[in-house]
Amino acid sequence: ICSNHFQSEEFQDDKRNSEAILESHTQYRYDRMKEL
């Protein structure tokens, strides 16, 4: 599944990526796709 945040180990500590997961709708759509 892919929405709008990175998932690889290389980006686990990326500040902007963490902000996107927390503040935007990318994680929500990821979870909804997983559900579907």
Full PDB file with SEQRES, HELIX, SHEET, SSBOND, CRYST1, ORIGX, SCALE, CONECT and MASTER records, all heavy atoms in Angstrom:
SEQRES   1 A   36  ILE CYS SER ASN HIS PHE GLN SER GLU GLU PHE GLN ASP          
SEQRES   2 A   36  ASP LYS ARG ASN SER GLU ALA ILE LEU GLU SER HIS THR          
SEQRES   3 A   36  GLN TYR ARG TYR ASP ARG MET LYS GLU LEU                      
HELIX    1 AA1 GLU A    9  PHE A   11  5                                   3    
HELIX    2 AA2 LYS A   15  GLU A   23  1                                   9    
HELIX    3 AA3 THR A   26  GLU A   35  1                                  10    
CRYST1    1.000    1.000    1.000  90.00  90.00  90.00 P 1           1          
ORIGX1      1.000000  0.000000  0.000000        0.00000                         
ORIGX2      0.000000  1.000000  0.000000        0.00000                         
ORIGX3      0.000000  0.000000  1.000000        0.00000                         
SCALE1      1.000000  0.000000  0.000000        0.00000                         
SCALE2      0.000000  1.000000  0.000000        0.00000                         
SCALE3      0.000000  0.000000  1.000000        0.00000                         
ATOM      1  N   ILE A   1       0.852  -1.189   0.000  1.00  0.00           N  
ATOM      2  CA  ILE A   1       0.000   0.000   0.000  1.00  0.00           C  
ATOM      3  C   ILE A   1       0.884   1.234   0.000  1.00  0.00           C  
ATOM      4  O   ILE A   1       1.907   1.277   0.682  1.00  0.00           O  
ATOM      5  CB  ILE A   1      -0.936   0.023   1.228  1.00  0.00           C  
ATOM      6  CG1 ILE A   1      -1.856  -1.202   1.229  1.00  0.00           C  
ATOM      7  CG2 ILE A   1      -1.762   1.311   1.266  1.00  0.00           C  
ATOM      8  CD1 ILE A   1      -2.631  -1.383   2.532  1.00  0.00           C  
ATOM      9  N   CYS A   2       0.463   2.251  -0.739  1.00  0.00           N  
ATOM     10  CA  CYS A   2       1.214   3.506  -0.764  1.00  0.00           C  
ATOM     11  C   CYS A   2       0.231   4.676  -0.736  1.00  0.00           C  
ATOM     12  O   CYS A   2      -0.723   4.704  -1.519  1.00  0.00           O  
ATOM     13  CB  CYS A   2       2.082   3.581  -2.022  1.00  0.00           C  
ATOM     14  SG  CYS A   2       3.087   5.067  -2.125  1.00  0.00           S  
ATOM     15  N   SER A   3       0.463   5.615   0.174  1.00  0.00           N  
ATOM     16  CA  SER A   3      -0.302   6.871   0.156  1.00  0.00           C  
ATOM     17  C   SER A   3       0.708   8.001  -0.047  1.00  0.00           C  
ATOM     18  O   SER A   3       1.312   8.079  -1.113  1.00  0.00           O  
ATOM     19  CB  SER A   3      -1.154   7.025   1.424  1.00  0.00           C  
ATOM     20  OG  SER A   3      -0.384   6.819   2.597  1.00  0.00           O  
ATOM     21  N   ASN A   4       0.944   8.844   0.958  1.00  0.00           N  
ATOM     22  CA  ASN A   4       1.863   9.968   0.734  1.00  0.00           C  
ATOM     23  C   ASN A   4       2.900  10.125   1.837  1.00  0.00           C  
ATOM     24  O   ASN A   4       3.259  11.247   2.214  1.00  0.00           O  
ATOM     25  CB  ASN A   4       1.079  11.274   0.546  1.00  0.00           C  
ATOM     26  CG  ASN A   4       0.203  11.238  -0.685  1.00  0.00           C  
ATOM     27  OD1 ASN A   4      -1.012  11.096  -0.585  1.00  0.00           O  
ATOM     28  ND2 ASN A   4       0.803  11.344  -1.863  1.00  0.00           N  
ATOM     29  N   HIS A   5       3.363   8.985   2.347  1.00  0.00           N  
ATOM     30  CA  HIS A   5       4.492   9.023   3.285  1.00  0.00           C  
ATOM     31  C   HIS A   5       5.424   7.853   2.979  1.00  0.00           C  
ATOM     32  O   HIS A   5       5.028   6.858   2.372  1.00  0.00           O  
ATOM     33  CB  HIS A   5       4.017   8.976   4.738  1.00  0.00           C  
ATOM     34  CG  HIS A   5       3.239   7.734   5.097  1.00  0.00           C  
ATOM     35  ND1 HIS A   5       1.876   7.641   4.961  1.00  0.00           N  
ATOM     36  CD2 HIS A   5       3.642   6.531   5.596  1.00  0.00           C  
ATOM     37  CE1 HIS A   5       1.469   6.441   5.352  1.00  0.00           C  
ATOM     38  NE2 HIS A   5       2.521   5.747   5.741  1.00  0.00           N  
ATOM     39  N   PHE A   6       6.673   8.003   3.400  1.00  0.00           N  
ATOM     40  CA  PHE A   6       7.678   6.970   3.161  1.00  0.00           C  
ATOM     41  C   PHE A   6       7.562   5.867   4.210  1.00  0.00           C  
ATOM     42  O   PHE A   6       7.162   6.097   5.348  1.00  0.00           O  
ATOM     43  CB  PHE A   6       9.073   7.573   3.210  1.00  0.00           C  
ATOM     44  CG  PHE A   6       9.413   8.445   2.025  1.00  0.00           C  
ATOM     45  CD1 PHE A   6      10.167   9.595   2.174  1.00  0.00           C  
ATOM     46  CD2 PHE A   6       8.993   8.110   0.752  1.00  0.00           C  
ATOM     47  CE1 PHE A   6      10.488  10.392   1.091  1.00  0.00           C  
ATOM     48  CE2 PHE A   6       9.312   8.890  -0.342  1.00  0.00           C  
ATOM     49  CZ  PHE A   6      10.060  10.042  -0.173  1.00  0.00           C  
ATOM     50  N   GLN A   7       7.995   4.649   3.821  1.00  0.00           N  
ATOM     51  CA  GLN A   7       7.885   3.502   4.723  1.00  0.00           C  
ATOM     52  C   GLN A   7       9.208   2.766   4.937  1.00  0.00           C  
ATOM     53  O   GLN A   7       9.304   1.911   5.815  1.00  0.00           O  
ATOM     54  CB  GLN A   7       6.846   2.521   4.156  1.00  0.00           C  
ATOM     55  CG  GLN A   7       5.465   3.149   3.970  1.00  0.00           C  
ATOM     56  CD  GLN A   7       4.478   2.200   3.317  1.00  0.00           C  
ATOM     57  OE1 GLN A   7       4.187   1.127   3.854  1.00  0.00           O  
ATOM     58  NE2 GLN A   7       3.960   2.571   2.150  1.00  0.00           N  
ATOM     59  N   SER A   8      10.227   3.074   4.146  1.00  0.00           N  
ATOM     60  CA  SER A   8      11.496   2.342   4.255  1.00  0.00           C  
ATOM     61  C   SER A   8      12.285   2.777   5.485  1.00  0.00           C  
ATOM     62  O   SER A   8      12.065   3.866   6.039  1.00  0.00           O  
ATOM     63  CB  SER A   8      12.340   2.557   2.995  1.00  0.00           C  
ATOM     64  OG  SER A   8      12.692   3.926   2.864  1.00  0.00           O  
ATOM     65  N   GLU A   9      13.217   1.927   5.899  1.00  0.00           N  
ATOM     66  CA  GLU A   9      14.046   2.222   7.073  1.00  0.00           C  
ATOM     67  C   GLU A   9      14.827   3.514   6.905  1.00  0.00           C  
ATOM     68  O   GLU A   9      15.059   4.246   7.871  1.00  0.00           O  
ATOM     69  CB  GLU A   9      15.025   1.062   7.330  1.00  0.00           C  
ATOM     70  CG  GLU A   9      14.382  -0.172   7.924  1.00  0.00           C  
ATOM     71  CD  GLU A   9      15.415  -1.238   8.273  1.00  0.00           C  
ATOM     72  OE1 GLU A   9      16.620  -0.877   8.345  1.00  0.00           O  
ATOM     73  OE2 GLU A   9      15.019  -2.396   8.481  1.00  0.00           O  
ATOM     74  N   GLU A  10      15.238   3.791   5.682  1.00  0.00           N  
ATOM     75  CA  GLU A  10      16.068   4.974   5.422  1.00  0.00           C  
ATOM     76  C   GLU A  10      15.364   6.276   5.796  1.00  0.00           C  
ATOM     77  O   GLU A  10      16.018   7.303   6.031  1.00  0.00           O  
ATOM     78  CB  GLU A  10      16.474   5.028   3.936  1.00  0.00           C  
ATOM     79  CG  GLU A  10      17.518   4.002   3.538  1.00  0.00           C  
ATOM     80  CD  GLU A  10      16.934   2.617   3.274  1.00  0.00           C  
ATOM     81  OE1 GLU A  10      15.714   2.431   3.449  1.00  0.00           O  
ATOM     82  OE2 GLU A  10      17.716   1.728   2.884  1.00  0.00           O  
ATOM     83  N   PHE A  11      14.030   6.251   5.863  1.00  0.00           N  
ATOM     84  CA  PHE A  11      13.279   7.480   6.169  1.00  0.00           C  
ATOM     85  C   PHE A  11      12.579   7.419   7.523  1.00  0.00           C  
ATOM     86  O   PHE A  11      11.753   8.285   7.820  1.00  0.00           O  
ATOM     87  CB  PHE A  11      12.252   7.749   5.060  1.00  0.00           C  
ATOM     88  CG  PHE A  11      12.862   8.198   3.762  1.00  0.00           C  
ATOM     89  CD1 PHE A  11      13.191   7.279   2.779  1.00  0.00           C  
ATOM     90  CD2 PHE A  11      13.127   9.538   3.524  1.00  0.00           C  
ATOM     91  CE1 PHE A  11      13.760   7.680   1.576  1.00  0.00           C  
ATOM     92  CE2 PHE A  11      13.695   9.959   2.328  1.00  0.00           C  
ATOM     93  CZ  PHE A  11      14.018   9.032   1.356  1.00  0.00           C  
ATOM     94  N   GLN A  12      12.901   6.434   8.339  1.00  0.00           N  
ATOM     95  CA  GLN A  12      12.220   6.298   9.627  1.00  0.00           C  
ATOM     96  C   GLN A  12      12.437   7.504  10.540  1.00  0.00           C  
ATOM     97  O   GLN A  12      11.577   7.856  11.350  1.00  0.00           O  
ATOM     98  CB  GLN A  12      12.680   5.018  10.334  1.00  0.00           C  
ATOM     99  CG  GLN A  12      12.182   3.744   9.682  1.00  0.00           C  
ATOM    100  CD  GLN A  12      10.673   3.699   9.543  1.00  0.00           C  
ATOM    101  OE1 GLN A  12       9.943   3.832  10.519  1.00  0.00           O  
ATOM    102  NE2 GLN A  12      10.201   3.528   8.314  1.00  0.00           N  
ATOM    103  N   ASP A  13      13.592   8.143  10.427  1.00  0.00           N  
ATOM    104  CA  ASP A  13      13.899   9.294  11.293  1.00  0.00           C  
ATOM    105  C   ASP A  13      13.759  10.620  10.556  1.00  0.00           C  
ATOM    106  O   ASP A  13      14.214  11.660  11.049  1.00  0.00           O  
ATOM    107  CB  ASP A  13      15.328   9.160  11.851  1.00  0.00           C  
ATOM    108  CG  ASP A  13      15.495   7.915  12.710  1.00  0.00           C  
ATOM    109  OD1 ASP A  13      14.537   7.568  13.437  1.00  0.00           O  
ATOM    110  OD2 ASP A  13      16.568   7.277  12.640  1.00  0.00           O  
ATOM    111  N   ASP A  14      13.134  10.585   9.383  1.00  0.00           N  
ATOM    112  CA  ASP A  14      12.974  11.809   8.597  1.00  0.00           C  
ATOM    113  C   ASP A  14      11.881  12.678   9.232  1.00  0.00           C  
ATOM    114  O   ASP A  14      10.727  12.258   9.368  1.00  0.00           O  
ATOM    115  CB  ASP A  14      12.603  11.445   7.162  1.00  0.00           C  
ATOM    116  CG  ASP A  14      12.551  12.659   6.255  1.00  0.00           C  
ATOM    117  OD1 ASP A  14      11.503  13.344   6.238  1.00  0.00           O  
ATOM    118  OD2 ASP A  14      13.548  12.909   5.572  1.00  0.00           O  
ATOM    119  N   LYS A  15      12.247  13.912   9.592  1.00  0.00           N  
ATOM    120  CA  LYS A  15      11.322  14.785  10.319  1.00  0.00           C  
ATOM    121  C   LYS A  15      10.093  15.129   9.493  1.00  0.00           C  
ATOM    122  O   LYS A  15       8.964  15.074   9.987  1.00  0.00           O  
ATOM    123  CB  LYS A  15      12.066  16.062  10.737  1.00  0.00           C  
ATOM    124  CG  LYS A  15      11.218  17.022  11.566  1.00  0.00           C  
ATOM    125  CD  LYS A  15      12.001  18.277  11.923  1.00  0.00           C  
ATOM    126  CE  LYS A  15      11.116  19.258  12.685  1.00  0.00           C  
ATOM    127  NZ  LYS A  15      11.825  20.521  12.997  1.00  0.00           N  
ATOM    128  N   ARG A  16      10.303  15.475   8.239  1.00  0.00           N  
ATOM    129  CA  ARG A  16       9.164  15.856   7.395  1.00  0.00           C  
ATOM    130  C   ARG A  16       8.223  14.681   7.172  1.00  0.00           C  
ATOM    131  O   ARG A  16       7.003  14.842   7.133  1.00  0.00           O  
ATOM    132  CB  ARG A  16       9.663  16.396   6.048  1.00  0.00           C  
ATOM    133  CG  ARG A  16      10.208  17.800   6.132  1.00  0.00           C  
ATOM    134  CD  ARG A  16      10.534  18.366   4.752  1.00  0.00           C  
ATOM    135  NE  ARG A  16      11.062  19.716   4.888  1.00  0.00           N  
ATOM    136  CZ  ARG A  16      12.319  19.998   5.190  1.00  0.00           C  
ATOM    137  NH1 ARG A  16      13.175  19.010   5.369  1.00  0.00           N  
ATOM    138  NH2 ARG A  16      12.725  21.237   5.321  1.00  0.00           N  
ATOM    139  N   ASN A  17       8.787  13.505   7.030  1.00  0.00           N  
ATOM    140  CA  ASN A  17       7.958  12.323   6.837  1.00  0.00           C  
ATOM    141  C   ASN A  17       7.115  12.058   8.081  1.00  0.00           C  
ATOM    142  O   ASN A  17       5.919  11.742   7.985  1.00  0.00           O  
ATOM    143  CB  ASN A  17       8.847  11.117   6.524  1.00  0.00           C  
ATOM    144  CG  ASN A  17       8.065   9.924   6.021  1.00  0.00           C  
ATOM    145  OD1 ASN A  17       7.260  10.033   5.099  1.00  0.00           O  
ATOM    146  ND2 ASN A  17       8.281   8.773   6.637  1.00  0.00           N  
ATOM    147  N   SER A  18       7.716  12.204   9.249  1.00  0.00           N  
ATOM    148  CA  SER A  18       6.986  12.012  10.514  1.00  0.00           C  
ATOM    149  C   SER A  18       5.877  13.045  10.658  1.00  0.00           C  
ATOM    150  O   SER A  18       4.779  12.729  11.137  1.00  0.00           O  
ATOM    151  CB  SER A  18       7.956  12.111  11.698  1.00  0.00           C  
ATOM    152  OG  SER A  18       8.955  11.110  11.617  1.00  0.00           O  
ATOM    153  N   GLU A  19       6.153  14.264  10.247  1.00  0.00           N  
ATOM    154  CA  GLU A  19       5.134  15.321  10.301  1.00  0.00           C  
ATOM    155  C   GLU A  19       3.965  14.991   9.378  1.00  0.00           C  
ATOM    156  O   GLU A  19       2.799  15.207   9.739  1.00  0.00           O  
ATOM    157  CB  GLU A  19       5.741  16.665   9.894  1.00  0.00           C  
ATOM    158  CG  GLU A  19       6.645  17.282  10.946  1.00  0.00           C  
ATOM    159  CD  GLU A  19       7.327  18.549  10.444  1.00  0.00           C  
ATOM    160  OE1 GLU A  19       7.158  18.890   9.253  1.00  0.00           O  
ATOM    161  OE2 GLU A  19       8.032  19.200  11.245  1.00  0.00           O  
ATOM    162  N   ALA A  20       4.278  14.476   8.199  1.00  0.00           N  
ATOM    163  CA  ALA A  20       3.218  14.125   7.250  1.00  0.00           C  
ATOM    164  C   ALA A  20       2.306  13.051   7.828  1.00  0.00           C  
ATOM    165  O   ALA A  20       1.074  13.128   7.715  1.00  0.00           O  
ATOM    166  CB  ALA A  20       3.830  13.654   5.937  1.00  0.00           C  
ATOM    167  N   ILE A  21       2.893  12.047   8.454  1.00  0.00           N  
ATOM    168  CA  ILE A  21       2.111  10.960   9.047  1.00  0.00           C  
ATOM    169  C   ILE A  21       1.209  11.489  10.156  1.00  0.00           C  
ATOM    170  O   ILE A  21       0.028  11.119  10.255  1.00  0.00           O  
ATOM    171  CB  ILE A  21       3.046   9.853   9.583  1.00  0.00           C  
ATOM    172  CG1 ILE A  21       3.764   9.173   8.412  1.00  0.00           C  
ATOM    173  CG2 ILE A  21       2.273   8.841  10.410  1.00  0.00           C  
ATOM    174  CD1 ILE A  21       4.884   8.236   8.841  1.00  0.00           C  
ATOM    175  N   LEU A  22       1.737  12.394  10.987  1.00  0.00           N  
ATOM    176  CA  LEU A  22       0.999  12.912  12.143  1.00  0.00           C  
ATOM    177  C   LEU A  22      -0.059  13.943  11.740  1.00  0.00           C  
ATOM    178  O   LEU A  22      -1.177  13.918  12.242  1.00  0.00           O  
ATOM    179  CB  LEU A  22       1.981  13.543  13.132  1.00  0.00           C  
ATOM    180  CG  LEU A  22       1.360  14.191  14.385  1.00  0.00           C  
ATOM    181  CD1 LEU A  22       0.692  13.128  15.251  1.00  0.00           C  
ATOM    182  CD2 LEU A  22       2.423  14.950  15.177  1.00  0.00           C  
ATOM    183  N   GLU A  23       0.299  14.843  10.830  1.00  0.00           N  
ATOM    184  CA  GLU A  23      -0.520  16.037  10.604  1.00  0.00           C  
ATOM    185  C   GLU A  23      -1.422  15.968   9.375  1.00  0.00           C  
ATOM    186  O   GLU A  23      -2.411  16.698   9.298  1.00  0.00           O  
ATOM    187  CB  GLU A  23       0.390  17.272  10.477  1.00  0.00           C  
ATOM    188  CG  GLU A  23       1.191  17.555  11.756  1.00  0.00           C  
ATOM    189  CD  GLU A  23       2.159  18.711  11.571  1.00  0.00           C  
ATOM    190  OE1 GLU A  23       2.156  19.329  10.478  1.00  0.00           O  
ATOM    191  OE2 GLU A  23       2.912  18.998  12.521  1.00  0.00           O  
ATOM    192  N   SER A  24      -1.096  15.135   8.392  1.00  0.00           N  
ATOM    193  CA  SER A  24      -1.873  15.128   7.145  1.00  0.00           C  
ATOM    194  C   SER A  24      -2.854  13.958   7.137  1.00  0.00           C  
ATOM    195  O   SER A  24      -3.087  13.304   8.149  1.00  0.00           O  
ATOM    196  CB  SER A  24      -0.929  15.050   5.947  1.00  0.00           C  
ATOM    197  OG  SER A  24      -0.430  13.734   5.786  1.00  0.00           O  
ATOM    198  N   HIS A  25      -3.425  13.671   5.965  1.00  0.00           N  
ATOM    199  CA  HIS A  25      -4.403  12.582   5.823  1.00  0.00           C  
ATOM    200  C   HIS A  25      -3.784  11.320   5.232  1.00  0.00           C  
ATOM    201  O   HIS A  25      -4.497  10.382   4.900  1.00  0.00           O  
ATOM    202  CB  HIS A  25      -5.577  13.036   4.960  1.00  0.00           C  
ATOM    203  CG  HIS A  25      -5.161  13.860   3.770  1.00  0.00           C  
ATOM    204  ND1 HIS A  25      -4.624  13.316   2.634  1.00  0.00           N  
ATOM    205  CD2 HIS A  25      -5.190  15.200   3.568  1.00  0.00           C  
ATOM    206  CE1 HIS A  25      -4.352  14.281   1.764  1.00  0.00           C  
ATOM    207  NE2 HIS A  25      -4.681  15.436   2.306  1.00  0.00           N  
ATOM    208  N   THR A  26      -2.459  11.267   5.082  1.00  0.00           N  
ATOM    209  CA  THR A  26      -1.824  10.127   4.424  1.00  0.00           C  
ATOM    210  C   THR A  26      -1.993   8.827   5.211  1.00  0.00           C  
ATOM    211  O   THR A  26      -2.290   7.789   4.636  1.00  0.00           O  
ATOM    212  CB  THR A  26      -0.335  10.409   4.130  1.00  0.00           C  
ATOM    213  OG1 THR A  26       0.250   9.255   3.519  1.00  0.00           O  
ATOM    214  CG2 THR A  26       0.462  10.759   5.382  1.00  0.00           C  
ATOM    215  N   GLN A  27      -1.811   8.878   6.551  1.00  0.00           N  
ATOM    216  CA  GLN A  27      -1.939   7.664   7.356  1.00  0.00           C  
ATOM    217  C   GLN A  27      -3.382   7.159   7.363  1.00  0.00           C  
ATOM    218  O   GLN A  27      -3.629   5.947   7.318  1.00  0.00           O  
ATOM    219  CB  GLN A  27      -1.470   7.917   8.788  1.00  0.00           C  
ATOM    220  CG  GLN A  27      -1.438   6.659   9.664  1.00  0.00           C  
ATOM    221  CD  GLN A  27      -0.407   5.635   9.203  1.00  0.00           C  
ATOM    222  OE1 GLN A  27       0.752   5.980   8.992  1.00  0.00           O  
ATOM    223  NE2 GLN A  27      -0.815   4.380   9.062  1.00  0.00           N  
ATOM    224  N   TYR A  28      -4.326   8.094   7.391  1.00  0.00           N  
ATOM    225  CA  TYR A  28      -5.743   7.724   7.387  1.00  0.00           C  
ATOM    226  C   TYR A  28      -6.081   6.952   6.114  1.00  0.00           C  
ATOM    227  O   TYR A  28      -6.731   5.901   6.155  1.00  0.00           O  
ATOM    228  CB  TYR A  28      -6.607   8.979   7.510  1.00  0.00           C  
ATOM    229  CG  TYR A  28      -8.075   8.708   7.742  1.00  0.00           C  
ATOM    230  CD1 TYR A  28      -8.609   8.744   9.028  1.00  0.00           C  
ATOM    231  CD2 TYR A  28      -8.938   8.421   6.681  1.00  0.00           C  
ATOM    232  CE1 TYR A  28      -9.965   8.510   9.255  1.00  0.00           C  
ATOM    233  CE2 TYR A  28     -10.294   8.175   6.897  1.00  0.00           C  
ATOM    234  CZ  TYR A  28     -10.803   8.219   8.187  1.00  0.00           C  
ATOM    235  OH  TYR A  28     -12.139   7.975   8.400  1.00  0.00           O  
ATOM    236  N   ARG A  29      -5.650   7.470   4.946  1.00  0.00           N  
ATOM    237  CA  ARG A  29      -5.930   6.781   3.689  1.00  0.00           C  
ATOM    238  C   ARG A  29      -5.202   5.444   3.607  1.00  0.00           C  
ATOM    239  O   ARG A  29      -5.727   4.470   3.054  1.00  0.00           O  
ATOM    240  CB  ARG A  29      -5.560   7.673   2.498  1.00  0.00           C  
ATOM    241  CG  ARG A  29      -6.609   8.729   2.191  1.00  0.00           C  
ATOM    242  CD  ARG A  29      -6.251   9.576   0.986  1.00  0.00           C  
ATOM    243  NE  ARG A  29      -5.117  10.440   1.252  1.00  0.00           N  
ATOM    244  CZ  ARG A  29      -3.896  10.262   0.792  1.00  0.00           C  
ATOM    245  NH1 ARG A  29      -3.628   9.229   0.009  1.00  0.00           N  
ATOM    246  NH2 ARG A  29      -2.929  11.102   1.082  1.00  0.00           N  
ATOM    247  N   TYR A  30      -3.991   5.389   4.151  1.00  0.00           N  
ATOM    248  CA  TYR A  30      -3.255   4.115   4.203  1.00  0.00           C  
ATOM    249  C   TYR A  30      -4.069   3.079   4.990  1.00  0.00           C  
ATOM    250  O   TYR A  30      -4.252   1.932   4.540  1.00  0.00           O  
ATOM    251  CB  TYR A  30      -1.882   4.331   4.850  1.00  0.00           C  
ATOM    252  CG  TYR A  30      -1.046   3.087   4.958  1.00  0.00           C  
ATOM    253  CD1 TYR A  30      -0.104   2.765   3.987  1.00  0.00           C  
ATOM    254  CD2 TYR A  30      -1.203   2.202   6.027  1.00  0.00           C  
ATOM    255  CE1 TYR A  30       0.663   1.613   4.085  1.00  0.00           C  
ATOM    256  CE2 TYR A  30      -0.454   1.046   6.123  1.00  0.00           C  
ATOM    257  CZ  TYR A  30       0.488   0.755   5.151  1.00  0.00           C  
ATOM    258  OH  TYR A  30       1.239  -0.394   5.255  1.00  0.00           O  
ATOM    259  N   ASP A  31      -4.557   3.500   6.153  1.00  0.00           N  
ATOM    260  CA  ASP A  31      -5.322   2.580   7.011  1.00  0.00           C  
ATOM    261  C   ASP A  31      -6.638   2.177   6.343  1.00  0.00           C  
ATOM    262  O   ASP A  31      -7.082   1.030   6.453  1.00  0.00           O  
ATOM    263  CB  ASP A  31      -5.600   3.235   8.368  1.00  0.00           C  
ATOM    264  CG  ASP A  31      -4.337   3.435   9.196  1.00  0.00           C  
ATOM    265  OD1 ASP A  31      -3.330   2.755   8.914  1.00  0.00           O  
ATOM    266  OD2 ASP A  31      -4.349   4.289  10.108  1.00  0.00           O  
ATOM    267  N   ARG A  32      -7.261   3.128   5.649  1.00  0.00           N  
ATOM    268  CA  ARG A  32      -8.515   2.806   4.966  1.00  0.00           C  
ATOM    269  C   ARG A  32      -8.276   1.819   3.828  1.00  0.00           C  
ATOM    270  O   ARG A  32      -9.067   0.877   3.635  1.00  0.00           O  
ATOM    271  CB  ARG A  32      -9.157   4.096   4.423  1.00  0.00           C  
ATOM    272  CG  ARG A  32     -10.434   3.871   3.623  1.00  0.00           C  
ATOM    273  CD  ARG A  32     -11.511   3.142   4.415  1.00  0.00           C  
ATOM    274  NE  ARG A  32     -12.753   3.010   3.654  1.00  0.00           N  
ATOM    275  CZ  ARG A  32     -13.711   2.132   3.929  1.00  0.00           C  
ATOM    276  NH1 ARG A  32     -13.587   1.285   4.958  1.00  0.00           N  
ATOM    277  NH2 ARG A  32     -14.820   2.090   3.202  1.00  0.00           N  
ATOM    278  N   MET A  33      -7.183   2.011   3.091  1.00  0.00           N  
ATOM    279  CA  MET A  33      -6.864   1.059   2.014  1.00  0.00           C  
ATOM    280  C   MET A  33      -6.600  -0.329   2.594  1.00  0.00           C  
ATOM    281  O   MET A  33      -7.045  -1.347   2.029  1.00  0.00           O  
ATOM    282  CB  MET A  33      -5.659   1.545   1.217  1.00  0.00           C  
ATOM    283  CG  MET A  33      -5.241   0.618   0.076  1.00  0.00           C  
ATOM    284  SD  MET A  33      -6.524   0.372  -1.175  1.00  0.00           S  
ATOM    285  CE  MET A  33      -6.356   1.896  -2.121  1.00  0.00           C  
ATOM    286  N   LYS A  34      -5.902  -0.375   3.701  1.00  0.00           N  
ATOM    287  CA  LYS A  34      -5.619  -1.656   4.362  1.00  0.00           C  
ATOM    288  C   LYS A  34      -6.928  -2.347   4.750  1.00  0.00           C  
ATOM    289  O   LYS A  34      -7.088  -3.568   4.575  1.00  0.00           O  
ATOM    290  CB  LYS A  34      -4.749  -1.418   5.598  1.00  0.00           C  
ATOM    291  CG  LYS A  34      -4.133  -2.652   6.197  1.00  0.00           C  
ATOM    292  CD  LYS A  34      -3.142  -2.274   7.299  1.00  0.00           C  
ATOM    293  CE  LYS A  34      -2.449  -3.504   7.852  1.00  0.00           C  
ATOM    294  NZ  LYS A  34      -1.466  -3.138   8.923  1.00  0.00           N  
ATOM    295  N   GLU A  35      -7.868  -1.568   5.254  1.00  0.00           N  
ATOM    296  CA  GLU A  35      -9.180  -2.070   5.645  1.00  0.00           C  
ATOM    297  C   GLU A  35      -9.940  -2.619   4.425  1.00  0.00           C  
ATOM    298  O   GLU A  35     -10.520  -3.710   4.480  1.00  0.00           O  
ATOM    299  CB  GLU A  35      -9.954  -0.904   6.270  1.00  0.00           C  
ATOM    300  CG  GLU A  35     -11.194  -1.249   7.031  1.00  0.00           C  
ATOM    301  CD  GLU A  35     -11.766   0.004   7.696  1.00  0.00           C  
ATOM    302  OE1 GLU A  35     -12.463   0.778   7.004  1.00  0.00           O  
ATOM    303  OE2 GLU A  35     -11.518   0.212   8.893  1.00  0.00           O  
ATOM    304  N   LEU A  36      -9.903  -1.881   3.322  1.00  0.00           N  
ATOM    305  CA  LEU A  36     -10.615  -2.304   2.114  1.00  0.00           C  
ATOM    306  C   LEU A  36     -10.003  -3.566   1.506  1.00  0.00           C  
ATOM    307  O   LEU A  36     -10.729  -4.442   1.024  1.00  0.00           O  
ATOM    308  CB  LEU A  36     -10.611  -1.172   1.081  1.00  0.00           C  
ATOM    309  CG  LEU A  36     -11.500   0.026   1.414  1.00  0.00           C  
ATOM    310  CD1 LEU A  36     -11.204   1.191   0.471  1.00  0.00           C  
ATOM    311  CD2 LEU A  36     -12.976  -0.352   1.341  1.00  0.00           C  
TER     312      LEU A  36                                                      
MASTER        0    0    0    3    0    0    0    6  311    1    0    3          
END                                                                             
